[in-house]
Amino acid sequence: MKLVYVFDAYCGWSHGFSGTLSEVAARHPELPVEVVSGGLFTGSRRVPVRQFGYVQGANAKIAELTGAEFGAAYEQLIADGSFVMDSEAAARGVAALRQVAPDRAAELAAALQAAFYVDGRSLSEAATYRKVAEEAGLDADVVVAAFEAPDAQTAARADFRRAVQLGVTGFPTLLAVEGDSVTPLAYGQATADEVDARFAAH
């Protein structure tokens, strides 16, 4: 059995779930955690953030419910409104980090979200992955090369397909997967205790 975490690095609710995921992973060291990028802002949804008028209100609610931090640099990006969230680029970055440190995928996904939501860094830029890799003690050159390699795009699209195959329609979603059996443990927002209760019932 393993945990499968389907998220999007540009999803505020996924950012809010980072603490819960970290706690659940710490409580269940015996369970590997697979991280899958969901593809929230692709195709026609790749537009300036000002077109998503609900963002600031949603972020206030996320912060209130989860204690997640939204930094000043990020708030400035939202206020400016021209930034374009590109989930395929972010998924390439997740794939690159996962390739270099597969056992730390959940931790690195959270670090990537902090790079955007706290530090206001673009997840389309190689410099962001260099910084995340350096702070995590990884070989930054290898991570950046993986992010820029054609394989990263293939991995990103494979993630989007996997999310659909798992029946995931929103982010974040945490699943317990064993063979063909898929059990939802959390959707949107949940505490580690709530996840554990569902896990125990399963």
N, C-alpha and C. Protein backbone atom coordinates (compact mmCIF):
# COMPACT_ATOMS: atom_id res chain seq x y z
N MET A 1 0.83 -1.20 0.00
CA MET A 1 0.00 0.00 0.00
C MET A 1 0.87 1.25 0.00
N LYS A 2 0.36 2.31 -0.65
CA LYS A 2 1.07 3.58 -0.62
C LYS A 2 0.06 4.71 -0.58
N LEU A 3 0.55 5.89 -0.22
CA LEU A 3 -0.26 7.09 -0.29
C LEU A 3 0.03 7.75 -1.64
N VAL A 4 -1.02 8.21 -2.30
CA VAL A 4 -0.84 8.97 -3.55
C VAL A 4 -1.44 10.35 -3.32
N TYR A 5 -0.59 11.36 -3.45
CA TYR A 5 -0.98 12.74 -3.23
C TYR A 5 -1.09 13.43 -4.58
N VAL A 6 -2.32 13.79 -4.96
CA VAL A 6 -2.55 14.47 -6.24
C VAL A 6 -2.79 15.94 -5.92
N PHE A 7 -1.90 16.80 -6.41
CA PHE A 7 -1.96 18.21 -6.06
C PHE A 7 -1.61 19.04 -7.29
N ASP A 8 -1.68 20.34 -7.15
CA ASP A 8 -1.11 21.22 -8.16
C ASP A 8 -0.27 22.26 -7.43
N ALA A 9 0.94 22.48 -7.91
CA ALA A 9 1.84 23.41 -7.22
C ALA A 9 1.29 24.84 -7.21
N TYR A 10 0.37 25.14 -8.14
CA TYR A 10 -0.26 26.46 -8.19
C TYR A 10 -1.66 26.46 -7.56
N CYS A 11 -1.94 25.49 -6.72
CA CYS A 11 -3.25 25.41 -6.05
C CYS A 11 -3.10 25.83 -4.59
N GLY A 12 -3.80 26.89 -4.20
CA GLY A 12 -3.71 27.40 -2.83
C GLY A 12 -4.15 26.39 -1.79
N TRP A 13 -5.17 25.61 -2.11
CA TRP A 13 -5.63 24.60 -1.14
C TRP A 13 -4.57 23.50 -0.96
N SER A 14 -3.84 23.21 -2.04
CA SER A 14 -2.73 22.24 -1.91
C SER A 14 -1.65 22.82 -0.99
N HIS A 15 -1.36 24.11 -1.15
CA HIS A 15 -0.40 24.78 -0.25
C HIS A 15 -0.87 24.66 1.19
N GLY A 16 -2.15 24.85 1.40
CA GLY A 16 -2.72 24.74 2.75
C GLY A 16 -2.64 23.33 3.31
N PHE A 17 -2.59 22.33 2.42
CA PHE A 17 -2.59 20.92 2.85
C PHE A 17 -1.18 20.42 3.16
N SER A 18 -0.15 21.22 2.83
CA SER A 18 1.24 20.77 2.98
C SER A 18 1.55 20.29 4.40
N GLY A 19 1.06 21.03 5.40
CA GLY A 19 1.31 20.66 6.79
C GLY A 19 0.69 19.32 7.15
N THR A 20 -0.54 19.11 6.68
CA THR A 20 -1.23 17.84 6.94
C THR A 20 -0.48 16.68 6.28
N LEU A 21 -0.08 16.88 5.05
CA LEU A 21 0.64 15.82 4.34
C LEU A 21 1.93 15.46 5.06
N SER A 22 2.64 16.47 5.51
CA SER A 22 3.90 16.26 6.22
C SER A 22 3.67 15.45 7.50
N GLU A 23 2.60 15.80 8.22
CA GLU A 23 2.27 15.10 9.47
C GLU A 23 1.85 13.65 9.20
N VAL A 24 1.03 13.45 8.18
CA VAL A 24 0.58 12.09 7.84
C VAL A 24 1.79 11.22 7.44
N ALA A 25 2.68 11.79 6.62
CA ALA A 25 3.87 11.04 6.18
C ALA A 25 4.76 10.69 7.38
N ALA A 26 4.86 11.63 8.34
CA ALA A 26 5.69 11.38 9.53
C ALA A 26 5.09 10.28 10.40
N ARG A 27 3.76 10.23 10.46
CA ARG A 27 3.08 9.21 11.27
C ARG A 27 3.14 7.83 10.63
N HIS A 28 3.31 7.80 9.31
CA HIS A 28 3.29 6.51 8.59
C HIS A 28 4.56 6.34 7.75
N PRO A 29 5.71 6.24 8.41
CA PRO A 29 6.96 6.11 7.67
C PRO A 29 7.02 4.84 6.82
N GLU A 30 6.14 3.88 7.16
CA GLU A 30 6.13 2.62 6.40
C GLU A 30 5.45 2.77 5.02
N LEU A 31 4.74 3.88 4.82
CA LEU A 31 4.01 4.06 3.57
C LEU A 31 4.75 5.00 2.62
N PRO A 32 5.14 4.53 1.45
CA PRO A 32 5.71 5.46 0.47
C PRO A 32 4.66 6.47 0.02
N VAL A 33 5.10 7.68 -0.30
CA VAL A 33 4.19 8.72 -0.79
C VAL A 33 4.54 9.03 -2.24
N GLU A 34 3.59 8.79 -3.13
CA GLU A 34 3.76 9.14 -4.55
C GLU A 34 3.10 10.50 -4.77
N VAL A 35 3.82 11.43 -5.37
CA VAL A 35 3.28 12.76 -5.63
C VAL A 35 2.97 12.90 -7.12
N VAL A 36 1.73 13.29 -7.43
CA VAL A 36 1.27 13.41 -8.81
C VAL A 36 0.77 14.84 -9.03
N SER A 37 1.23 15.48 -10.11
CA SER A 37 0.75 16.83 -10.45
C SER A 37 -0.56 16.73 -11.22
N GLY A 38 -1.52 17.56 -10.82
CA GLY A 38 -2.87 17.44 -11.40
C GLY A 38 -3.16 18.27 -12.64
N GLY A 39 -2.46 19.37 -12.84
CA GLY A 39 -2.71 20.15 -14.05
C GLY A 39 -3.89 21.09 -13.97
N LEU A 40 -3.87 22.01 -13.01
CA LEU A 40 -4.98 22.93 -12.79
C LEU A 40 -5.01 24.06 -13.82
N PHE A 41 -3.85 24.64 -14.11
CA PHE A 41 -3.79 25.78 -15.03
C PHE A 41 -3.03 25.37 -16.29
N THR A 42 -3.77 24.76 -17.22
CA THR A 42 -3.20 24.35 -18.50
C THR A 42 -4.15 24.84 -19.60
N GLY A 43 -3.67 24.81 -20.83
CA GLY A 43 -4.53 25.18 -21.96
C GLY A 43 -5.12 26.57 -21.79
N SER A 44 -6.44 26.66 -21.93
CA SER A 44 -7.12 27.96 -21.90
C SER A 44 -7.11 28.60 -20.51
N ARG A 45 -6.72 27.84 -19.47
CA ARG A 45 -6.66 28.41 -18.11
C ARG A 45 -5.29 29.04 -17.81
N ARG A 46 -4.40 29.03 -18.82
CA ARG A 46 -3.09 29.68 -18.65
C ARG A 46 -3.25 31.16 -19.02
N VAL A 47 -3.77 31.93 -18.09
CA VAL A 47 -4.06 33.35 -18.34
C VAL A 47 -3.56 34.16 -17.14
N PRO A 48 -3.44 35.49 -17.28
CA PRO A 48 -3.00 36.30 -16.14
C PRO A 48 -3.88 36.07 -14.91
N VAL A 49 -3.24 36.07 -13.75
CA VAL A 49 -3.92 35.73 -12.50
C VAL A 49 -5.07 36.69 -12.19
N ARG A 50 -5.04 37.89 -12.74
CA ARG A 50 -6.14 38.83 -12.47
C ARG A 50 -7.48 38.30 -12.98
N GLN A 51 -7.44 37.34 -13.91
CA GLN A 51 -8.69 36.78 -14.44
C GLN A 51 -9.35 35.80 -13.46
N PHE A 52 -8.61 35.47 -12.40
CA PHE A 52 -9.19 34.61 -11.36
C PHE A 52 -9.49 35.49 -10.15
N GLY A 53 -10.62 36.16 -10.20
CA GLY A 53 -10.94 37.16 -9.19
C GLY A 53 -11.11 36.63 -7.78
N TYR A 54 -11.30 35.32 -7.66
CA TYR A 54 -11.58 34.72 -6.35
C TYR A 54 -10.31 34.46 -5.54
N VAL A 55 -9.14 34.63 -6.13
CA VAL A 55 -7.90 34.15 -5.50
C VAL A 55 -7.68 34.72 -4.10
N GLN A 56 -7.79 36.05 -3.95
CA GLN A 56 -7.48 36.64 -2.65
C GLN A 56 -8.44 36.19 -1.55
N GLY A 57 -9.73 36.12 -1.88
CA GLY A 57 -10.71 35.65 -0.90
C GLY A 57 -10.46 34.21 -0.50
N ALA A 58 -10.12 33.38 -1.50
CA ALA A 58 -9.84 31.96 -1.23
C ALA A 58 -8.61 31.84 -0.34
N ASN A 59 -7.57 32.63 -0.63
CA ASN A 59 -6.34 32.56 0.15
C ASN A 59 -6.57 32.93 1.61
N ALA A 60 -7.42 33.93 1.85
CA ALA A 60 -7.72 34.34 3.23
C ALA A 60 -8.38 33.17 3.96
N LYS A 61 -9.27 32.48 3.28
CA LYS A 61 -9.97 31.33 3.89
C LYS A 61 -8.99 30.18 4.16
N ILE A 62 -8.10 29.93 3.19
CA ILE A 62 -7.10 28.86 3.33
C ILE A 62 -6.20 29.15 4.54
N ALA A 63 -5.74 30.40 4.65
CA ALA A 63 -4.87 30.79 5.76
C ALA A 63 -5.59 30.60 7.10
N GLU A 64 -6.87 31.00 7.12
CA GLU A 64 -7.66 30.90 8.35
C GLU A 64 -7.86 29.43 8.76
N LEU A 65 -8.16 28.58 7.80
CA LEU A 65 -8.47 27.17 8.10
C LEU A 65 -7.24 26.31 8.33
N THR A 66 -6.13 26.64 7.67
CA THR A 66 -4.97 25.74 7.71
C THR A 66 -3.73 26.35 8.36
N GLY A 67 -3.74 27.68 8.52
CA GLY A 67 -2.55 28.34 9.06
C GLY A 67 -1.45 28.52 8.03
N ALA A 68 -1.74 28.22 6.76
CA ALA A 68 -0.73 28.36 5.70
C ALA A 68 -0.33 29.82 5.54
N GLU A 69 0.94 30.03 5.21
CA GLU A 69 1.47 31.38 5.06
C GLU A 69 1.45 31.81 3.59
N PHE A 70 1.02 33.05 3.37
CA PHE A 70 1.09 33.67 2.05
C PHE A 70 1.97 34.91 2.20
N GLY A 71 3.13 34.89 1.56
CA GLY A 71 4.13 35.93 1.79
C GLY A 71 3.87 37.23 1.03
N ALA A 72 4.57 38.27 1.43
CA ALA A 72 4.41 39.59 0.84
C ALA A 72 4.77 39.59 -0.65
N ALA A 73 5.82 38.85 -1.02
CA ALA A 73 6.24 38.81 -2.43
C ALA A 73 5.16 38.18 -3.30
N TYR A 74 4.50 37.16 -2.76
CA TYR A 74 3.39 36.52 -3.46
C TYR A 74 2.21 37.48 -3.57
N GLU A 75 1.88 38.14 -2.48
CA GLU A 75 0.75 39.09 -2.47
C GLU A 75 0.97 40.18 -3.53
N GLN A 76 2.21 40.58 -3.70
CA GLN A 76 2.56 41.59 -4.70
C GLN A 76 2.27 41.08 -6.12
N LEU A 77 2.60 39.82 -6.36
CA LEU A 77 2.31 39.19 -7.66
C LEU A 77 0.82 39.23 -7.96
N ILE A 78 0.02 38.89 -6.94
CA ILE A 78 -1.43 38.85 -7.11
C ILE A 78 -1.97 40.26 -7.35
N ALA A 79 -1.46 41.21 -6.59
CA ALA A 79 -1.91 42.60 -6.72
C ALA A 79 -1.59 43.15 -8.11
N ASP A 80 -0.41 42.78 -8.63
CA ASP A 80 -0.01 43.21 -9.97
C ASP A 80 -0.93 42.59 -11.03
N GLY A 81 -1.21 41.30 -10.87
CA GLY A 81 -2.23 40.64 -11.69
C GLY A 81 -1.79 40.09 -13.04
N SER A 82 -0.54 40.37 -13.46
CA SER A 82 -0.13 39.94 -14.81
C SER A 82 0.53 38.56 -14.83
N PHE A 83 0.85 38.03 -13.64
CA PHE A 83 1.54 36.74 -13.57
C PHE A 83 0.66 35.61 -14.14
N VAL A 84 1.28 34.72 -14.92
CA VAL A 84 0.55 33.59 -15.50
C VAL A 84 0.99 32.30 -14.82
N MET A 85 0.04 31.61 -14.22
CA MET A 85 0.33 30.32 -13.59
C MET A 85 0.27 29.24 -14.67
N ASP A 86 1.36 28.51 -14.84
CA ASP A 86 1.46 27.48 -15.86
C ASP A 86 1.73 26.14 -15.17
N SER A 87 0.67 25.35 -15.04
CA SER A 87 0.79 24.10 -14.29
C SER A 87 1.66 23.06 -14.98
N GLU A 88 1.80 23.18 -16.30
CA GLU A 88 2.67 22.20 -16.97
C GLU A 88 4.13 22.45 -16.60
N ALA A 89 4.53 23.72 -16.55
CA ALA A 89 5.90 24.05 -16.14
C ALA A 89 6.14 23.59 -14.70
N ALA A 90 5.16 23.84 -13.83
CA ALA A 90 5.28 23.41 -12.43
C ALA A 90 5.38 21.89 -12.33
N ALA A 91 4.60 21.20 -13.14
CA ALA A 91 4.64 19.72 -13.13
C ALA A 91 5.98 19.20 -13.63
N ARG A 92 6.59 19.92 -14.58
CA ARG A 92 7.94 19.55 -15.03
C ARG A 92 8.92 19.68 -13.87
N GLY A 93 8.76 20.73 -13.09
CA GLY A 93 9.63 20.93 -11.92
C GLY A 93 9.44 19.87 -10.87
N VAL A 94 8.18 19.51 -10.61
CA VAL A 94 7.89 18.44 -9.65
C VAL A 94 8.54 17.14 -10.12
N ALA A 95 8.41 16.86 -11.42
CA ALA A 95 8.99 15.64 -11.98
C ALA A 95 10.52 15.64 -11.84
N ALA A 96 11.14 16.80 -12.05
CA ALA A 96 12.60 16.91 -11.94
C ALA A 96 13.06 16.65 -10.51
N LEU A 97 12.39 17.26 -9.55
CA LEU A 97 12.74 17.07 -8.14
C LEU A 97 12.51 15.62 -7.71
N ARG A 98 11.40 15.06 -8.18
CA ARG A 98 11.03 13.68 -7.85
C ARG A 98 12.06 12.70 -8.42
N GLN A 99 12.57 13.02 -9.61
CA GLN A 99 13.56 12.16 -10.27
C GLN A 99 14.87 12.12 -9.46
N VAL A 100 15.25 13.27 -8.93
CA VAL A 100 16.52 13.38 -8.20
C VAL A 100 16.41 12.83 -6.77
N ALA A 101 15.25 13.05 -6.14
CA ALA A 101 15.07 12.59 -4.74
C ALA A 101 13.68 11.98 -4.56
N PRO A 102 13.45 10.78 -5.13
CA PRO A 102 12.11 10.18 -5.11
C PRO A 102 11.53 9.99 -3.71
N ASP A 103 12.39 9.70 -2.73
CA ASP A 103 11.89 9.46 -1.37
C ASP A 103 11.47 10.75 -0.66
N ARG A 104 11.80 11.88 -1.24
CA ARG A 104 11.49 13.17 -0.60
C ARG A 104 10.45 13.96 -1.39
N ALA A 105 9.69 13.28 -2.24
CA ALA A 105 8.76 13.96 -3.16
C ALA A 105 7.76 14.85 -2.42
N ALA A 106 7.19 14.37 -1.31
CA ALA A 106 6.18 15.15 -0.59
C ALA A 106 6.79 16.41 0.01
N GLU A 107 7.95 16.27 0.61
CA GLU A 107 8.67 17.40 1.21
C GLU A 107 9.03 18.45 0.15
N LEU A 108 9.48 17.97 -1.01
CA LEU A 108 9.90 18.89 -2.08
C LEU A 108 8.70 19.57 -2.74
N ALA A 109 7.58 18.87 -2.80
CA ALA A 109 6.36 19.50 -3.33
C ALA A 109 5.95 20.67 -2.44
N ALA A 110 6.06 20.48 -1.13
CA ALA A 110 5.73 21.56 -0.18
C ALA A 110 6.72 22.71 -0.33
N ALA A 111 8.00 22.39 -0.54
CA ALA A 111 9.02 23.44 -0.70
C ALA A 111 8.75 24.26 -1.96
N LEU A 112 8.27 23.59 -3.00
CA LEU A 112 7.95 24.27 -4.25
C LEU A 112 6.77 25.23 -4.05
N GLN A 113 5.80 24.77 -3.28
CA GLN A 113 4.64 25.64 -3.02
C GLN A 113 5.04 26.85 -2.18
N ALA A 114 5.95 26.64 -1.24
CA ALA A 114 6.44 27.77 -0.44
C ALA A 114 7.21 28.75 -1.32
N ALA A 115 7.94 28.24 -2.31
CA ALA A 115 8.69 29.12 -3.22
C ALA A 115 7.74 30.08 -3.93
N PHE A 116 6.55 29.58 -4.27
CA PHE A 116 5.57 30.44 -4.94
C PHE A 116 4.76 31.26 -3.94
N TYR A 117 4.12 30.58 -2.99
CA TYR A 117 3.15 31.24 -2.11
C TYR A 117 3.78 32.11 -1.02
N VAL A 118 5.02 31.85 -0.69
CA VAL A 118 5.69 32.67 0.32
C VAL A 118 6.68 33.63 -0.34
N ASP A 119 7.52 33.08 -1.24
CA ASP A 119 8.60 33.89 -1.83
C ASP A 119 8.21 34.56 -3.16
N GLY A 120 7.03 34.20 -3.69
CA GLY A 120 6.58 34.83 -4.93
C GLY A 120 7.42 34.48 -6.15
N ARG A 121 8.00 33.27 -6.15
CA ARG A 121 8.86 32.87 -7.27
C ARG A 121 8.05 32.12 -8.33
N SER A 122 8.39 32.36 -9.59
CA SER A 122 7.71 31.67 -10.69
C SER A 122 8.16 30.21 -10.76
N LEU A 123 7.18 29.32 -10.94
CA LEU A 123 7.50 27.89 -11.07
C LEU A 123 7.77 27.52 -12.53
N SER A 124 7.92 28.56 -13.38
CA SER A 124 8.31 28.33 -14.77
C SER A 124 9.79 28.60 -14.98
N GLU A 125 10.47 29.07 -13.94
CA GLU A 125 11.87 29.49 -14.09
C GLU A 125 12.84 28.51 -13.45
N ALA A 126 13.89 28.19 -14.18
CA ALA A 126 14.91 27.26 -13.70
C ALA A 126 15.53 27.73 -12.39
N ALA A 127 15.66 29.06 -12.22
CA ALA A 127 16.28 29.61 -11.00
C ALA A 127 15.53 29.19 -9.74
N THR A 128 14.22 29.05 -9.86
CA THR A 128 13.40 28.62 -8.70
C THR A 128 13.79 27.21 -8.28
N TYR A 129 13.97 26.33 -9.26
CA TYR A 129 14.32 24.93 -8.95
C TYR A 129 15.75 24.83 -8.42
N ARG A 130 16.60 25.71 -8.91
CA ARG A 130 17.97 25.76 -8.40
C ARG A 130 17.95 26.10 -6.91
N LYS A 131 17.15 27.11 -6.54
CA LYS A 131 17.08 27.54 -5.14
C LYS A 131 16.47 26.45 -4.25
N VAL A 132 15.36 25.85 -4.71
CA VAL A 132 14.71 24.78 -3.93
C VAL A 132 15.68 23.61 -3.75
N ALA A 133 16.38 23.25 -4.82
CA ALA A 133 17.33 22.13 -4.75
C ALA A 133 18.47 22.43 -3.78
N GLU A 134 19.02 23.64 -3.88
CA GLU A 134 20.13 24.02 -2.99
C GLU A 134 19.69 23.98 -1.53
N GLU A 135 18.50 24.52 -1.25
CA GLU A 135 18.01 24.55 0.13
C GLU A 135 17.72 23.15 0.66
N ALA A 136 17.42 22.21 -0.26
CA ALA A 136 17.14 20.83 0.15
C ALA A 136 18.40 19.97 0.16
N GLY A 137 19.56 20.58 -0.20
CA GLY A 137 20.80 19.82 -0.20
C GLY A 137 20.94 18.88 -1.38
N LEU A 138 20.23 19.19 -2.48
CA LEU A 138 20.31 18.35 -3.68
C LEU A 138 21.30 18.97 -4.67
N ASP A 139 21.69 18.20 -5.67
CA ASP A 139 22.57 18.71 -6.71
C ASP A 139 21.74 19.60 -7.63
N ALA A 140 21.91 20.92 -7.49
CA ALA A 140 21.06 21.88 -8.21
C ALA A 140 21.24 21.78 -9.72
N ASP A 141 22.46 21.51 -10.17
CA ASP A 141 22.70 21.40 -11.62
C ASP A 141 21.91 20.23 -12.21
N VAL A 142 21.86 19.14 -11.47
CA VAL A 142 21.14 17.95 -11.95
C VAL A 142 19.63 18.23 -11.99
N VAL A 143 19.12 18.92 -10.96
CA VAL A 143 17.69 19.24 -10.91
C VAL A 143 17.31 20.17 -12.07
N VAL A 144 18.11 21.21 -12.29
CA VAL A 144 17.82 22.16 -13.38
C VAL A 144 17.88 21.47 -14.74
N ALA A 145 18.88 20.61 -14.92
CA ALA A 145 18.99 19.87 -16.19
C ALA A 145 17.76 18.99 -16.40
N ALA A 146 17.28 18.36 -15.33
CA ALA A 146 16.09 17.50 -15.42
C ALA A 146 14.84 18.33 -15.74
N PHE A 147 14.75 19.53 -15.15
CA PHE A 147 13.62 20.43 -15.41
C PHE A 147 13.59 20.85 -16.88
N GLU A 148 14.76 21.08 -17.45
CA GLU A 148 14.84 21.59 -18.82
C GLU A 148 14.86 20.48 -19.88
N ALA A 149 14.98 19.23 -19.45
CA ALA A 149 15.04 18.11 -20.40
C ALA A 149 13.66 17.81 -20.99
N PRO A 150 13.63 17.32 -22.25
CA PRO A 150 12.34 16.97 -22.87
C PRO A 150 11.56 15.94 -22.06
N ASP A 151 12.26 15.06 -21.35
CA ASP A 151 11.60 14.03 -20.54
C ASP A 151 10.68 14.64 -19.49
N ALA A 152 10.99 15.84 -19.05
CA ALA A 152 10.19 16.46 -18.00
C ALA A 152 8.77 16.74 -18.49
N GLN A 153 8.65 17.16 -19.73
CA GLN A 153 7.32 17.43 -20.30
C GLN A 153 6.53 16.13 -20.42
N THR A 154 7.21 15.06 -20.83
CA THR A 154 6.57 13.75 -20.92
C THR A 154 6.06 13.31 -19.55
N ALA A 155 6.90 13.52 -18.53
CA ALA A 155 6.52 13.14 -17.15
C ALA A 155 5.35 13.97 -16.66
N ALA A 156 5.34 15.27 -16.99
CA ALA A 156 4.24 16.14 -16.58
C ALA A 156 2.92 15.66 -17.17
N ARG A 157 2.94 15.35 -18.44
CA ARG A 157 1.69 14.91 -19.10
C ARG A 157 1.26 13.55 -18.60
N ALA A 158 2.23 12.71 -18.26
CA ALA A 158 1.90 11.39 -17.68
C ALA A 158 1.22 11.58 -16.32
N ASP A 159 1.70 12.58 -15.54
CA ASP A 159 1.07 12.88 -14.25
C ASP A 159 -0.39 13.30 -14.45
N PHE A 160 -0.63 14.19 -15.42
CA PHE A 160 -2.00 14.67 -15.66
C PHE A 160 -2.91 13.49 -16.01
N ARG A 161 -2.40 12.57 -16.82
CA ARG A 161 -3.20 11.38 -17.19
C ARG A 161 -3.45 10.50 -15.98
N ARG A 162 -2.43 10.35 -15.15
CA ARG A 162 -2.58 9.50 -13.95
C ARG A 162 -3.63 10.07 -13.02
N ALA A 163 -3.65 11.38 -12.86
CA ALA A 163 -4.67 12.01 -12.00
C ALA A 163 -6.07 11.69 -12.50
N VAL A 164 -6.25 11.74 -13.82
CA VAL A 164 -7.56 11.43 -14.42
C VAL A 164 -7.90 9.95 -14.21
N GLN A 165 -6.91 9.08 -14.41
CA GLN A 165 -7.13 7.64 -14.24
C GLN A 165 -7.54 7.30 -12.80
N LEU A 166 -7.00 8.07 -11.86
CA LEU A 166 -7.34 7.84 -10.44
C LEU A 166 -8.70 8.42 -10.08
N GLY A 167 -9.32 9.11 -11.03
CA GLY A 167 -10.65 9.68 -10.79
C GLY A 167 -10.61 10.98 -10.00
N VAL A 168 -9.46 11.63 -9.97
CA VAL A 168 -9.33 12.87 -9.20
C VAL A 168 -9.87 14.05 -10.00
N THR A 169 -10.76 14.82 -9.39
CA THR A 169 -11.38 15.96 -10.09
C THR A 169 -11.03 17.29 -9.43
N GLY A 170 -10.37 17.26 -8.29
CA GLY A 170 -10.00 18.50 -7.61
C GLY A 170 -8.77 18.29 -6.75
N PHE A 171 -8.13 19.39 -6.38
CA PHE A 171 -6.87 19.31 -5.65
C PHE A 171 -6.94 20.11 -4.36
N PRO A 172 -6.24 19.62 -3.32
CA PRO A 172 -5.48 18.38 -3.27
C PRO A 172 -6.39 17.18 -2.97
N THR A 173 -5.96 16.01 -3.40
CA THR A 173 -6.63 14.76 -3.05
C THR A 173 -5.57 13.78 -2.55
N LEU A 174 -5.84 13.17 -1.40
CA LEU A 174 -4.93 12.16 -0.85
C LEU A 174 -5.63 10.82 -0.89
N LEU A 175 -4.96 9.84 -1.48
CA LEU A 175 -5.55 8.51 -1.66
C LEU A 175 -4.66 7.45 -1.03
N ALA A 176 -5.29 6.38 -0.56
CA ALA A 176 -4.55 5.17 -0.20
C ALA A 176 -4.75 4.21 -1.37
N VAL A 177 -3.64 3.75 -1.94
CA VAL A 177 -3.73 2.90 -3.13
C VAL A 177 -3.03 1.57 -2.85
N GLU A 178 -3.77 0.49 -3.11
CA GLU A 178 -3.20 -0.86 -2.95
C GLU A 178 -3.67 -1.69 -4.13
N GLY A 179 -2.77 -1.96 -5.06
CA GLY A 179 -3.17 -2.67 -6.28
C GLY A 179 -4.18 -1.83 -7.03
N ASP A 180 -5.36 -2.42 -7.28
CA ASP A 180 -6.43 -1.69 -8.00
C ASP A 180 -7.37 -0.97 -7.04
N SER A 181 -7.14 -1.14 -5.75
CA SER A 181 -8.02 -0.52 -4.76
C SER A 181 -7.56 0.90 -4.45
N VAL A 182 -8.48 1.87 -4.61
CA VAL A 182 -8.18 3.28 -4.36
C VAL A 182 -9.17 3.82 -3.33
N THR A 183 -8.64 4.27 -2.19
CA THR A 183 -9.49 4.78 -1.11
C THR A 183 -9.18 6.26 -0.86
N PRO A 184 -10.17 7.16 -1.03
CA PRO A 184 -9.93 8.58 -0.74
C PRO A 184 -9.75 8.81 0.77
N LEU A 185 -8.70 9.53 1.13
CA LEU A 185 -8.45 9.85 2.55
C LEU A 185 -8.69 11.33 2.85
N ALA A 186 -8.52 12.17 1.85
CA ALA A 186 -8.74 13.61 2.06
C ALA A 186 -8.96 14.29 0.72
N TYR A 187 -9.79 15.32 0.76
CA TYR A 187 -10.04 16.12 -0.42
C TYR A 187 -10.17 17.57 0.02
N GLY A 188 -9.35 18.43 -0.55
CA GLY A 188 -9.45 19.85 -0.21
C GLY A 188 -8.73 20.18 1.08
N GLN A 189 -9.42 19.96 2.18
CA GLN A 189 -8.82 20.32 3.46
C GLN A 189 -9.15 19.26 4.51
N ALA A 190 -8.16 18.85 5.29
CA ALA A 190 -8.37 17.88 6.36
C ALA A 190 -7.19 17.95 7.30
N THR A 191 -7.42 17.56 8.54
CA THR A 191 -6.31 17.47 9.50
C THR A 191 -5.70 16.08 9.42
N ALA A 192 -4.52 15.93 9.99
CA ALA A 192 -3.86 14.62 10.02
C ALA A 192 -4.70 13.62 10.81
N ASP A 193 -5.37 14.09 11.87
CA ASP A 193 -6.23 13.20 12.66
C ASP A 193 -7.41 12.69 11.83
N GLU A 194 -7.98 13.58 11.01
CA GLU A 194 -9.10 13.16 10.15
C GLU A 194 -8.64 12.15 9.12
N VAL A 195 -7.47 12.38 8.57
CA VAL A 195 -6.91 11.43 7.60
C VAL A 195 -6.67 10.08 8.26
N ASP A 196 -6.10 10.12 9.47
CA ASP A 196 -5.82 8.88 10.20
C ASP A 196 -7.10 8.10 10.51
N ALA A 197 -8.16 8.82 10.86
CA ALA A 197 -9.44 8.17 11.17
C ALA A 197 -9.97 7.44 9.94
N ARG A 198 -9.88 8.08 8.78
CA ARG A 198 -10.33 7.44 7.54
C ARG A 198 -9.44 6.26 7.18
N PHE A 199 -8.15 6.43 7.45
CA PHE A 199 -7.19 5.38 7.17
C PHE A 199 -7.47 4.15 8.04
N ALA A 200 -7.76 4.40 9.32
CA ALA A 200 -8.06 3.32 10.26
C ALA A 200 -9.36 2.59 9.85
N ALA A 201 -10.35 3.37 9.41
CA ALA A 201 -11.64 2.78 8.98
C ALA A 201 -11.42 1.90 7.75
N HIS A 202 -10.50 2.34 6.89
CA HIS A 202 -10.18 1.58 5.69
C HIS A 202 -9.49 0.27 6.08
